[in-house]
Amino acid sequence: MINKADTFDNIKRTIYFFASIFILIYLTGNLFLVENNQHIDLIIILLITYFLISLLLLKSKRFIRYHELINIALTSTYLIGEFYRVIHVEFLQHQNELLGDFIIWMPVYTIYLFVVFGKKYGLLASSFVFFINLLVSLPFINELTGQQIDSVILYNMACLIYILVIYSSHIFVSKYAELQALEKYAYYDTLTEIANRRKSTQVFEQLIEDAQSTPNPFSIIFVDIDYFKLINDKYGHDTGDIILKEFSSLIQQQLSANEFVGRWGGEEFIIFTPTILQEAIYQAEQLRKTIEVNQFTNVPAVTASIGVASYANQDNVDSLFKRADSALYEAKKTGRNCVCSM
């Protein structure tokens, strides 16, 4: 089974790998095409060395976390340092009024903090950087022009909005994921991952309601694994669970997109199919044969008894299910591994 954490790590590893290549190209171009002072060139060379090494170390799962933390440290240092340089040099010495291109990285940087640290610590980290930026700008506030102060205020307000929006989105996504998980547990069987009895009943009621207002036919195919208790007793409940999963998967493979299967309870499965009785009987017989010849794990053979019933005028959930259940009982009484209808 695929581990979701491993899958996410692989996605991050791929992103970091190509991002490192992009950064290397940018740094190399900056080193050879832009005239920098010696200190800047030394920093660029050190960064190129780091990202070259990281390309090799990213193959290791353990290095990913270190890579993330180093990237955050480098990016934080760059953004805070650039903010300080713009105020101290560009604003006060050169009388420029715009902060520059570095501000476009703030949304990406803020998102990255939440991705790496999660909701709680992402909020703390981004808030910490926000207050550092405030502290950087406050000592010079009286020396700045009105336009320069506006630029600083707008930048800090934008950073705060990024934090609040991303944090709120994180909460929204988390709550939505929780609701989806709750819905899955409420309406789907945790073992077989198909609809449970509650969901099956909802579908059943809707089909009855639709059938009462439209002439479209539908039938129930009620399936029960033969001697399932003996399978549990002889081979163990772990094997029984495997059989249930393989059994439900096999049924799903035989159904079309407009048909439905749910686990009614224990070893019983219910199928709704938009067909008349004779077609449903034929389908049930084909399913029975498929189950009979299928090779299940750890068990020589598995068979099933099947009851079939179709919707008739004035039927409700109880009356139609009772006929399908009676047909299943007749199949068991007849000797099992057969199809009966009513």
Foldseek 3Di string as FASTA:
>chain_A
DDDPVVVVLVVLLVVLLVVLVVVLVVLVCCLPPPDDDPVVNVVSVVSNVVSVVVNVVSVDSVCSLVVLVVVLVVLLCVLLVLLLCCVVPVCQPVVDQASDDSLVCLLVSLLSLCVNPNLPVSLVVLVVSLVSSVVSCVVCLVVGDPSNNVNSVVSSVVSVVSSVVSSVVSVVVVVVVVVVVVVQVVFADPLQSFGEQVVVVVVQQVVVVVVQVDVFKKKKKKKAKPPLVVCCVPVNVVLSSQCLNVLVVLVVVLDDPPKGKYAHDDRMIMIMDRDDQVVVQVSNLVSQVVQQPDDGPPDRHIGMQIEMEMDDPPDGSVVRVVQRVVQSVVCVVVPGSHYGYD
